[in-house]
Amino acid sequence: MVTDAELALWGIVDGCLNSKLVHYFYVLNSHAAVLELAGGKKVLMRFHGDCQGVEQYGFVHTAQNDKFCADSHSIRVLQTGDRCKVKSLEPYP
């Protein structure tokens, strides 16, 4: 289990990530994507279930107050408009 202090080193506080830190992202598979942060650290973003179309089309996300949070935010698949809820944000070695 990752501690709150370890999560904070990746910019994850109370399950939320400051969206201004995200420099780039890429999709691993229909269950997860990696967010590359300014400074080179990476965060694994897991989806609840299978996010259809995300591998083929990619996604966009909307932050509220510059925060993007697990369990309360979702991503929108480009081309289809389908939404996939974010399950977790965790450090990606």
PDB file of N, CA and C in Angstrom:
ATOM      1  N   MET A   1       0.841  -1.188   0.000  1.00  0.00           N
ATOM      2  CA  MET A   1       0.000   0.000   0.000  1.00  0.00           C
ATOM      3  C   MET A   1       0.886   1.253   0.000  1.00  0.00           C
ATOM      4  N   VAL A   2       0.563   2.182  -0.854  1.00  0.00           N
ATOM      5  CA  VAL A   2       1.324   3.417  -0.965  1.00  0.00           C
ATOM      6  C   VAL A   2       0.817   4.412   0.081  1.00  0.00           C
ATOM      7  N   THR A   3       1.734   5.034   0.795  1.00  0.00           N
ATOM      8  CA  THR A   3       1.351   5.984   1.843  1.00  0.00           C
ATOM      9  C   THR A   3       0.956   7.331   1.231  1.00  0.00           C
ATOM     10  N   ASP A   4       0.252   8.129   2.013  1.00  0.00           N
ATOM     11  CA  ASP A   4      -0.136   9.476   1.579  1.00  0.00           C
ATOM     12  C   ASP A   4       1.089  10.327   1.258  1.00  0.00           C
ATOM     13  N   ALA A   5       2.168  10.154   2.043  1.00  0.00           N
ATOM     14  CA  ALA A   5       3.396  10.920   1.817  1.00  0.00           C
ATOM     15  C   ALA A   5       4.020  10.547   0.474  1.00  0.00           C
ATOM     16  N   GLU A   6       4.005   9.260   0.141  1.00  0.00           N
ATOM     17  CA  GLU A   6       4.547   8.816  -1.147  1.00  0.00           C
ATOM     18  C   GLU A   6       3.700   9.347  -2.303  1.00  0.00           C
ATOM     19  N   LEU A   7       2.377   9.301  -2.148  1.00  0.00           N
ATOM     20  CA  LEU A   7       1.484   9.823  -3.180  1.00  0.00           C
ATOM     21  C   LEU A   7       1.733  11.310  -3.411  1.00  0.00           C
ATOM     22  N   ALA A   8       1.959  12.044  -2.323  1.00  0.00           N
ATOM     23  CA  ALA A   8       2.176  13.488  -2.421  1.00  0.00           C
ATOM     24  C   ALA A   8       3.427  13.809  -3.241  1.00  0.00           C
ATOM     25  N   LEU A   9       4.420  12.926  -3.223  1.00  0.00           N
ATOM     26  CA  LEU A   9       5.630  13.127  -4.027  1.00  0.00           C
ATOM     27  C   LEU A   9       5.312  13.126  -5.520  1.00  0.00           C
ATOM     28  N   TRP A  10       4.215  12.483  -5.889  1.00  0.00           N
ATOM     29  CA  TRP A  10       3.761  12.446  -7.284  1.00  0.00           C
ATOM     30  C   TRP A  10       2.671  13.480  -7.545  1.00  0.00           C
ATOM     31  N   GLY A  11       2.373  14.306  -6.543  1.00  0.00           N
ATOM     32  CA  GLY A  11       1.364  15.336  -6.713  1.00  0.00           C
ATOM     33  C   GLY A  11      -0.051  14.856  -6.474  1.00  0.00           C
ATOM     34  N   ILE A  12      -0.193  13.649  -5.920  1.00  0.00           N
ATOM     35  CA  ILE A  12      -1.524  13.084  -5.644  1.00  0.00           C
ATOM     36  C   ILE A  12      -1.859  13.340  -4.184  1.00  0.00           C
ATOM     37  N   VAL A  13      -2.861  14.170  -3.941  1.00  0.00           N
ATOM     38  CA  VAL A  13      -3.273  14.515  -2.581  1.00  0.00           C
ATOM     39  C   VAL A  13      -4.773  14.254  -2.466  1.00  0.00           C
ATOM     40  N   ASP A  14      -5.161  13.476  -1.474  1.00  0.00           N
ATOM     41  CA  ASP A  14      -6.561  13.106  -1.257  1.00  0.00           C
ATOM     42  C   ASP A  14      -7.197  12.517  -2.520  1.00  0.00           C
ATOM     43  N   GLY A  15      -6.418  11.709  -3.243  1.00  0.00           N
ATOM     44  CA  GLY A  15      -6.924  11.047  -4.446  1.00  0.00           C
ATOM     45  C   GLY A  15      -7.018  11.940  -5.663  1.00  0.00           C
ATOM     46  N   CYS A  16      -6.496  13.166  -5.552  1.00  0.00           N
ATOM     47  CA  CYS A  16      -6.583  14.135  -6.650  1.00  0.00           C
ATOM     48  C   CYS A  16      -5.193  14.541  -7.130  1.00  0.00           C
ATOM     49  N   LEU A  17      -5.126  14.867  -8.412  1.00  0.00           N
ATOM     50  CA  LEU A  17      -3.897  15.311  -9.037  1.00  0.00           C
ATOM     51  C   LEU A  17      -4.126  16.708  -9.597  1.00  0.00           C
ATOM     52  N   ASN A  18      -3.169  17.598  -9.387  1.00  0.00           N
ATOM     53  CA  ASN A  18      -3.260  18.933  -9.964  1.00  0.00           C
ATOM     54  C   ASN A  18      -3.104  18.785 -11.478  1.00  0.00           C
ATOM     55  N   SER A  19      -4.124  19.131 -12.227  1.00  0.00           N
ATOM     56  CA  SER A  19      -4.110  18.920 -13.675  1.00  0.00           C
ATOM     57  C   SER A  19      -3.043  19.753 -14.381  1.00  0.00           C
ATOM     58  N   LYS A  20      -2.576  20.809 -13.745  1.00  0.00           N
ATOM     59  CA  LYS A  20      -1.521  21.632 -14.346  1.00  0.00           C
ATOM     60  C   LYS A  20      -0.189  20.891 -14.406  1.00  0.00           C
ATOM     61  N   LEU A  21      -0.043  19.819 -13.615  1.00  0.00           N
ATOM     62  CA  LEU A  21       1.190  19.041 -13.614  1.00  0.00           C
ATOM     63  C   LEU A  21       1.285  18.091 -14.806  1.00  0.00           C
ATOM     64  N   VAL A  22       0.135  17.775 -15.424  1.00  0.00           N
ATOM     65  CA  VAL A  22       0.106  16.793 -16.513  1.00  0.00           C
ATOM     66  C   VAL A  22       0.681  17.421 -17.784  1.00  0.00           C
ATOM     67  N   HIS A  23       1.743  16.803 -18.260  1.00  0.00           N
ATOM     68  CA  HIS A  23       2.434  17.288 -19.454  1.00  0.00           C
ATOM     69  C   HIS A  23       1.995  16.499 -20.691  1.00  0.00           C
ATOM     70  N   TYR A  24       1.753  15.201 -20.517  1.00  0.00           N
ATOM     71  CA  TYR A  24       1.470  14.306 -21.631  1.00  0.00           C
ATOM     72  C   TYR A  24       0.794  13.065 -21.067  1.00  0.00           C
ATOM     73  N   PHE A  25       0.055  12.350 -21.898  1.00  0.00           N
ATOM     74  CA  PHE A  25      -0.505  11.070 -21.474  1.00  0.00           C
ATOM     75  C   PHE A  25      -0.475  10.087 -22.619  1.00  0.00           C
ATOM     76  N   TYR A  26      -0.482   8.812 -22.272  1.00  0.00           N
ATOM     77  CA  TYR A  26      -0.631   7.772 -23.285  1.00  0.00           C
ATOM     78  C   TYR A  26      -1.425   6.615 -22.692  1.00  0.00           C
ATOM     79  N   VAL A  27      -2.170   5.959 -23.552  1.00  0.00           N
ATOM     80  CA  VAL A  27      -3.039   4.857 -23.149  1.00  0.00           C
ATOM     81  C   VAL A  27      -2.232   3.571 -23.154  1.00  0.00           C
ATOM     82  N   LEU A  28      -2.296   2.819 -22.049  1.00  0.00           N
ATOM     83  CA  LEU A  28      -1.645   1.505 -21.972  1.00  0.00           C
ATOM     84  C   LEU A  28      -2.531   0.438 -22.591  1.00  0.00           C
ATOM     85  N   ASN A  29      -3.804   0.445 -22.172  1.00  0.00           N
ATOM     86  CA  ASN A  29      -4.786  -0.522 -22.653  1.00  0.00           C
ATOM     87  C   ASN A  29      -6.171   0.001 -22.290  1.00  0.00           C
ATOM     88  N   SER A  30      -7.190  -0.797 -22.454  1.00  0.00           N
ATOM     89  CA  SER A  30      -8.552  -0.318 -22.191  1.00  0.00           C
ATOM     90  C   SER A  30      -8.864  -0.186 -20.703  1.00  0.00           C
ATOM     91  N   HIS A  31      -7.888  -0.500 -19.861  1.00  0.00           N
ATOM     92  CA  HIS A  31      -8.086  -0.416 -18.410  1.00  0.00           C
ATOM     93  C   HIS A  31      -7.234   0.654 -17.736  1.00  0.00           C
ATOM     94  N   ALA A  32      -6.261   1.231 -18.474  1.00  0.00           N
ATOM     95  CA  ALA A  32      -5.343   2.166 -17.824  1.00  0.00           C
ATOM     96  C   ALA A  32      -4.629   3.073 -18.816  1.00  0.00           C
ATOM     97  N   ALA A  33      -4.209   4.226 -18.296  1.00  0.00           N
ATOM     98  CA  ALA A  33      -3.393   5.177 -19.054  1.00  0.00           C
ATOM     99  C   ALA A  33      -2.312   5.708 -18.122  1.00  0.00           C
ATOM    100  N   VAL A  34      -1.259   6.252 -18.699  1.00  0.00           N
ATOM    101  CA  VAL A  34      -0.175   6.845 -17.920  1.00  0.00           C
ATOM    102  C   VAL A  34      -0.164   8.347 -18.174  1.00  0.00           C
ATOM    103  N   LEU A  35      -0.124   9.103 -17.096  1.00  0.00           N
ATOM    104  CA  LEU A  35      -0.021  10.554 -17.171  1.00  0.00           C
ATOM    105  C   LEU A  35       1.422  10.925 -16.862  1.00  0.00           C
ATOM    106  N   GLU A  36       2.082  11.572 -17.807  1.00  0.00           N
ATOM    107  CA  GLU A  36       3.452  12.014 -17.567  1.00  0.00           C
ATOM    108  C   GLU A  36       3.396  13.434 -17.032  1.00  0.00           C
ATOM    109  N   LEU A  37       4.050  13.643 -15.905  1.00  0.00           N
ATOM    110  CA  LEU A  37       4.002  14.935 -15.228  1.00  0.00           C
ATOM    111  C   LEU A  37       5.208  15.785 -15.587  1.00  0.00           C
ATOM    112  N   ALA A  38       5.060  17.076 -15.419  1.00  0.00           N
ATOM    113  CA  ALA A  38       6.202  17.979 -15.556  1.00  0.00           C
ATOM    114  C   ALA A  38       7.257  17.492 -14.566  1.00  0.00           C
ATOM    115  N   GLY A  39       8.479  17.377 -14.988  1.00  0.00           N
ATOM    116  CA  GLY A  39       9.528  16.864 -14.123  1.00  0.00           C
ATOM    117  C   GLY A  39       9.815  15.396 -14.359  1.00  0.00           C
ATOM    118  N   GLY A  40       9.003  14.733 -15.192  1.00  0.00           N
ATOM    119  CA  GLY A  40       9.286  13.363 -15.586  1.00  0.00           C
ATOM    120  C   GLY A  40       8.614  12.261 -14.802  1.00  0.00           C
ATOM    121  N   LYS A  41       7.997  12.557 -13.675  1.00  0.00           N
ATOM    122  CA  LYS A  41       7.303  11.512 -12.928  1.00  0.00           C
ATOM    123  C   LYS A  41       6.068  11.084 -13.709  1.00  0.00           C
ATOM    124  N   LYS A  42       5.626   9.856 -13.447  1.00  0.00           N
ATOM    125  CA  LYS A  42       4.462   9.318 -14.147  1.00  0.00           C
ATOM    126  C   LYS A  42       3.442   8.795 -13.149  1.00  0.00           C
ATOM    127  N   VAL A  43       2.162   8.940 -13.514  1.00  0.00           N
ATOM    128  CA  VAL A  43       1.054   8.479 -12.680  1.00  0.00           C
ATOM    129  C   VAL A  43       0.218   7.500 -13.503  1.00  0.00           C
ATOM    130  N   LEU A  44      -0.093   6.350 -12.907  1.00  0.00           N
ATOM    131  CA  LEU A  44      -0.955   5.374 -13.544  1.00  0.00           C
ATOM    132  C   LEU A  44      -2.404   5.711 -13.210  1.00  0.00           C
ATOM    133  N   MET A  45      -3.209   5.867 -14.238  1.00  0.00           N
ATOM    134  CA  MET A  45      -4.639   6.131 -14.070  1.00  0.00           C
ATOM    135  C   MET A  45      -5.394   4.884 -14.514  1.00  0.00           C
ATOM    136  N   ARG A  46      -6.064   4.246 -13.555  1.00  0.00           N
ATOM    137  CA  ARG A  46      -6.854   3.047 -13.865  1.00  0.00           C
ATOM    138  C   ARG A  46      -8.317   3.447 -14.029  1.00  0.00           C
ATOM    139  N   PHE A  47      -9.006   2.747 -14.936  1.00  0.00           N
ATOM    140  CA  PHE A  47     -10.427   2.980 -15.171  1.00  0.00           C
ATOM    141  C   PHE A  47     -11.248   1.906 -14.472  1.00  0.00           C
ATOM    142  N   HIS A  48     -12.478   2.248 -14.108  1.00  0.00           N
ATOM    143  CA  HIS A  48     -13.423   1.248 -13.618  1.00  0.00           C
ATOM    144  C   HIS A  48     -13.836   0.428 -14.830  1.00  0.00           C
ATOM    145  N   GLY A  49     -13.533  -0.842 -14.852  1.00  0.00           N
ATOM    146  CA  GLY A  49     -13.943  -1.702 -15.955  1.00  0.00           C
ATOM    147  C   GLY A  49     -13.176  -1.440 -17.242  1.00  0.00           C
ATOM    148  N   ASP A  50     -13.782  -1.861 -18.335  1.00  0.00           N
ATOM    149  CA  ASP A  50     -13.176  -1.778 -19.655  1.00  0.00           C
ATOM    150  C   ASP A  50     -13.633  -0.490 -20.341  1.00  0.00           C
ATOM    151  N   CYS A  51     -12.695   0.348 -20.732  1.00  0.00           N
ATOM    152  CA  CYS A  51     -13.017   1.621 -21.371  1.00  0.00           C
ATOM    153  C   CYS A  51     -12.925   1.437 -22.891  1.00  0.00           C
ATOM    154  N   GLN A  52     -14.027   1.096 -23.503  1.00  0.00           N
ATOM    155  CA  GLN A  52     -14.079   0.795 -24.931  1.00  0.00           C
ATOM    156  C   GLN A  52     -13.688   2.002 -25.780  1.00  0.00           C
ATOM    157  N   GLY A  53     -12.814   1.772 -26.761  1.00  0.00           N
ATOM    158  CA  GLY A  53     -12.441   2.806 -27.715  1.00  0.00           C
ATOM    159  C   GLY A  53     -11.278   3.683 -27.301  1.00  0.00           C
ATOM    160  N   VAL A  54     -10.875   3.635 -26.046  1.00  0.00           N
ATOM    161  CA  VAL A  54      -9.825   4.540 -25.574  1.00  0.00           C
ATOM    162  C   VAL A  54      -8.474   4.232 -26.232  1.00  0.00           C
ATOM    163  N   GLU A  55      -8.203   2.957 -26.501  1.00  0.00           N
ATOM    164  CA  GLU A  55      -6.934   2.596 -27.148  1.00  0.00           C
ATOM    165  C   GLU A  55      -6.885   3.111 -28.583  1.00  0.00           C
ATOM    166  N   GLN A  56      -8.010   3.055 -29.253  1.00  0.00           N
ATOM    167  CA  GLN A  56      -8.068   3.455 -30.654  1.00  0.00           C
ATOM    168  C   GLN A  56      -8.138   4.969 -30.833  1.00  0.00           C
ATOM    169  N   TYR A  57      -8.939   5.647 -29.991  1.00  0.00           N
ATOM    170  CA  TYR A  57      -9.233   7.064 -30.211  1.00  0.00           C
ATOM    171  C   TYR A  57      -8.568   8.030 -29.234  1.00  0.00           C
ATOM    172  N   GLY A  58      -8.118   7.535 -28.079  1.00  0.00           N
ATOM    173  CA  GLY A  58      -7.572   8.438 -27.069  1.00  0.00           C
ATOM    174  C   GLY A  58      -8.696   9.070 -26.251  1.00  0.00           C
ATOM    175  N   PHE A  59      -8.351  10.055 -25.431  1.00  0.00           N
ATOM    176  CA  PHE A  59      -9.352  10.645 -24.542  1.00  0.00           C
ATOM    177  C   PHE A  59      -9.008  12.079 -24.188  1.00  0.00           C
ATOM    178  N   VAL A  60      -9.979  12.744 -23.622  1.00  0.00           N
ATOM    179  CA  VAL A  60      -9.795  14.053 -23.016  1.00  0.00           C
ATOM    180  C   VAL A  60     -10.368  13.975 -21.606  1.00  0.00           C
ATOM    181  N   HIS A  61      -9.874  14.848 -20.749  1.00  0.00           N
ATOM    182  CA  HIS A  61     -10.419  14.921 -19.397  1.00  0.00           C
ATOM    183  C   HIS A  61     -10.676  16.377 -19.041  1.00  0.00           C
ATOM    184  N   THR A  62     -11.584  16.564 -18.125  1.00  0.00           N
ATOM    185  CA  THR A  62     -11.919  17.899 -17.657  1.00  0.00           C
ATOM    186  C   THR A  62     -11.623  17.971 -16.168  1.00  0.00           C
ATOM    187  N   ALA A  63     -10.851  18.947 -15.786  1.00  0.00           N
ATOM    188  CA  ALA A  63     -10.528  19.148 -14.371  1.00  0.00           C
ATOM    189  C   ALA A  63     -11.466  20.200 -13.790  1.00  0.00           C
ATOM    190  N   GLN A  64     -11.699  20.098 -12.501  1.00  0.00           N
ATOM    191  CA  GLN A  64     -12.479  21.101 -11.789  1.00  0.00           C
ATOM    192  C   GLN A  64     -11.551  21.751 -10.780  1.00  0.00           C
ATOM    193  N   ASN A  65     -11.445  23.078 -10.837  1.00  0.00           N
ATOM    194  CA  ASN A  65     -10.528  23.805  -9.954  1.00  0.00           C
ATOM    195  C   ASN A  65      -9.108  23.272 -10.068  1.00  0.00           C
ATOM    196  N   ASP A  66      -8.698  22.944 -11.294  1.00  0.00           N
ATOM    197  CA  ASP A  66      -7.361  22.415 -11.589  1.00  0.00           C
ATOM    198  C   ASP A  66      -7.083  21.085 -10.914  1.00  0.00           C
ATOM    199  N   LYS A  67      -8.122  20.367 -10.493  1.00  0.00           N
ATOM    200  CA  LYS A  67      -7.932  19.060  -9.866  1.00  0.00           C
ATOM    201  C   LYS A  67      -8.630  17.989 -10.698  1.00  0.00           C
ATOM    202  N   PHE A  68      -7.969  16.848 -10.768  1.00  0.00           N
ATOM    203  CA  PHE A  68      -8.516  15.682 -11.441  1.00  0.00           C
ATOM    204  C   PHE A  68      -8.460  14.549 -10.427  1.00  0.00           C
ATOM    205  N   CYS A  69      -9.618  13.989 -10.065  1.00  0.00           N
ATOM    206  CA  CYS A  69      -9.693  13.073  -8.933  1.00  0.00           C
ATOM    207  C   CYS A  69     -10.197  11.687  -9.307  1.00  0.00           C
ATOM    208  N   ALA A  70      -9.618  10.685  -8.655  1.00  0.00           N
ATOM    209  CA  ALA A  70     -10.091   9.316  -8.783  1.00  0.00           C
ATOM    210  C   ALA A  70     -11.453   9.205  -8.114  1.00  0.00           C
ATOM    211  N   ASP A  71     -12.283   8.350  -8.638  1.00  0.00           N
ATOM    212  CA  ASP A  71     -13.620   8.050  -8.111  1.00  0.00           C
ATOM    213  C   ASP A  71     -14.635   9.171  -8.240  1.00  0.00           C
ATOM    214  N   SER A  72     -14.233  10.351  -8.707  1.00  0.00           N
ATOM    215  CA  SER A  72     -15.234  11.395  -8.904  1.00  0.00           C
ATOM    216  C   SER A  72     -15.150  12.022 -10.298  1.00  0.00           C
ATOM    217  N   HIS A  73     -14.092  11.707 -11.053  1.00  0.00           N
ATOM    218  CA  HIS A  73     -13.954  12.228 -12.406  1.00  0.00           C
ATOM    219  C   HIS A  73     -13.950  11.091 -13.420  1.00  0.00           C
ATOM    220  N   SER A  74     -14.220  11.454 -14.641  1.00  0.00           N
ATOM    221  CA  SER A  74     -14.168  10.481 -15.724  1.00  0.00           C
ATOM    222  C   SER A  74     -13.447  11.116 -16.905  1.00  0.00           C
ATOM    223  N   ILE A  75     -13.068  10.258 -17.841  1.00  0.00           N
ATOM    224  CA  ILE A  75     -12.472  10.735 -19.082  1.00  0.00           C
ATOM    225  C   ILE A  75     -13.516  10.542 -20.179  1.00  0.00           C
ATOM    226  N   ARG A  76     -13.378  11.274 -21.276  1.00  0.00           N
ATOM    227  CA  ARG A  76     -14.291  11.121 -22.407  1.00  0.00           C
ATOM    228  C   ARG A  76     -13.490  10.611 -23.589  1.00  0.00           C
ATOM    229  N   VAL A  77     -13.934   9.481 -24.141  1.00  0.00           N
ATOM    230  CA  VAL A  77     -13.262   8.883 -25.290  1.00  0.00           C
ATOM    231  C   VAL A  77     -13.541   9.746 -26.515  1.00  0.00           C
ATOM    232  N   LEU A  78     -12.467  10.121 -27.210  1.00  0.00           N
ATOM    233  CA  LEU A  78     -12.616  10.896 -28.437  1.00  0.00           C
ATOM    234  C   LEU A  78     -13.347  10.040 -29.481  1.00  0.00           C
ATOM    235  N   GLN A  79     -14.004  10.658 -30.386  1.00  0.00           N
ATOM    236  CA  GLN A  79     -14.727  10.028 -31.489  1.00  0.00           C
ATOM    237  C   GLN A  79     -16.068   9.452 -31.041  1.00  0.00           C
ATOM    238  N   THR A  80     -16.112   8.711 -29.914  1.00  0.00           N
ATOM    239  CA  THR A  80     -17.362   8.073 -29.497  1.00  0.00           C
ATOM    240  C   THR A  80     -18.116   8.885 -28.455  1.00  0.00           C
ATOM    241  N   GLY A  81     -17.384   9.668 -27.647  1.00  0.00           N
ATOM    242  CA  GLY A  81     -18.012  10.438 -26.580  1.00  0.00           C
ATOM    243  C   GLY A  81     -18.313   9.629 -25.332  1.00  0.00           C
ATOM    244  N   ASP A  82     -17.985   8.328 -25.343  1.00  0.00           N
ATOM    245  CA  ASP A  82     -18.223   7.492 -24.170  1.00  0.00           C
ATOM    246  C   ASP A  82     -17.402   7.997 -22.985  1.00  0.00           C
ATOM    247  N   ARG A  83     -17.958   7.840 -21.798  1.00  0.00           N
ATOM    248  CA  ARG A  83     -17.265   8.258 -20.582  1.00  0.00           C
ATOM    249  C   ARG A  83     -16.826   7.027 -19.797  1.00  0.00           C
ATOM    250  N   CYS A  84     -15.642   7.131 -19.218  1.00  0.00           N
ATOM    251  CA  CYS A  84     -15.090   6.071 -18.395  1.00  0.00           C
ATOM    252  C   CYS A  84     -14.657   6.687 -17.069  1.00  0.00           C
ATOM    253  N   LYS A  85     -15.166   6.130 -15.997  1.00  0.00           N
ATOM    254  CA  LYS A  85     -14.857   6.658 -14.671  1.00  0.00           C
ATOM    255  C   LYS A  85     -13.452   6.245 -14.248  1.00  0.00           C
ATOM    256  N   VAL A  86     -12.744   7.179 -13.617  1.00  0.00           N
ATOM    257  CA  VAL A  86     -11.391   6.922 -13.136  1.00  0.00           C
ATOM    258  C   VAL A  86     -11.484   6.209 -11.793  1.00  0.00           C
ATOM    259  N   LYS A  87     -10.817   5.063 -11.701  1.00  0.00           N
ATOM    260  CA  LYS A  87     -10.828   4.261 -10.483  1.00  0.00           C
ATOM    261  C   LYS A  87      -9.743   4.698  -9.511  1.00  0.00           C
ATOM    262  N   SER A  88      -8.520   4.925 -10.035  1.00  0.00           N
ATOM    263  CA  SER A  88      -7.419   5.264  -9.142  1.00  0.00           C
ATOM    264  C   SER A  88      -6.322   6.021  -9.876  1.00  0.00           C
ATOM    265  N   LEU A  89      -5.540   6.741  -9.090  1.00  0.00           N
ATOM    266  CA  LEU A  89      -4.336   7.427  -9.543  1.00  0.00           C
ATOM    267  C   LEU A  89      -3.225   6.977  -8.622  1.00  0.00           C
ATOM    268  N   GLU A  90      -2.135   6.454  -9.193  1.00  0.00           N
ATOM    269  CA  GLU A  90      -1.054   5.948  -8.364  1.00  0.00           C
ATOM    270  C   GLU A  90       0.285   6.144  -9.061  1.00  0.00           C
ATOM    271  N   PRO A  91       1.368   6.215  -8.290  1.00  0.00           N
ATOM    272  CA  PRO A  91       2.687   6.376  -8.893  1.00  0.00           C
ATOM    273  C   PRO A  91       2.976   5.246  -9.887  1.00  0.00           C
ATOM    274  N   TYR A  92       3.634   5.586 -10.983  1.00  0.00           N
ATOM    275  CA  TYR A  92       4.010   4.621 -12.001  1.00  0.00           C
ATOM    276  C   TYR A  92       5.527   4.666 -12.127  1.00  0.00           C
ATOM    277  N   PRO A  93       6.185   3.595 -11.681  1.00  0.00           N
ATOM    278  CA  PRO A  93       7.662   3.601 -11.669  1.00  0.00           C
ATOM    279  C   PRO A  93       8.268   3.644 -13.066  1.00  0.00           C
TER     280      PRO A  93
END
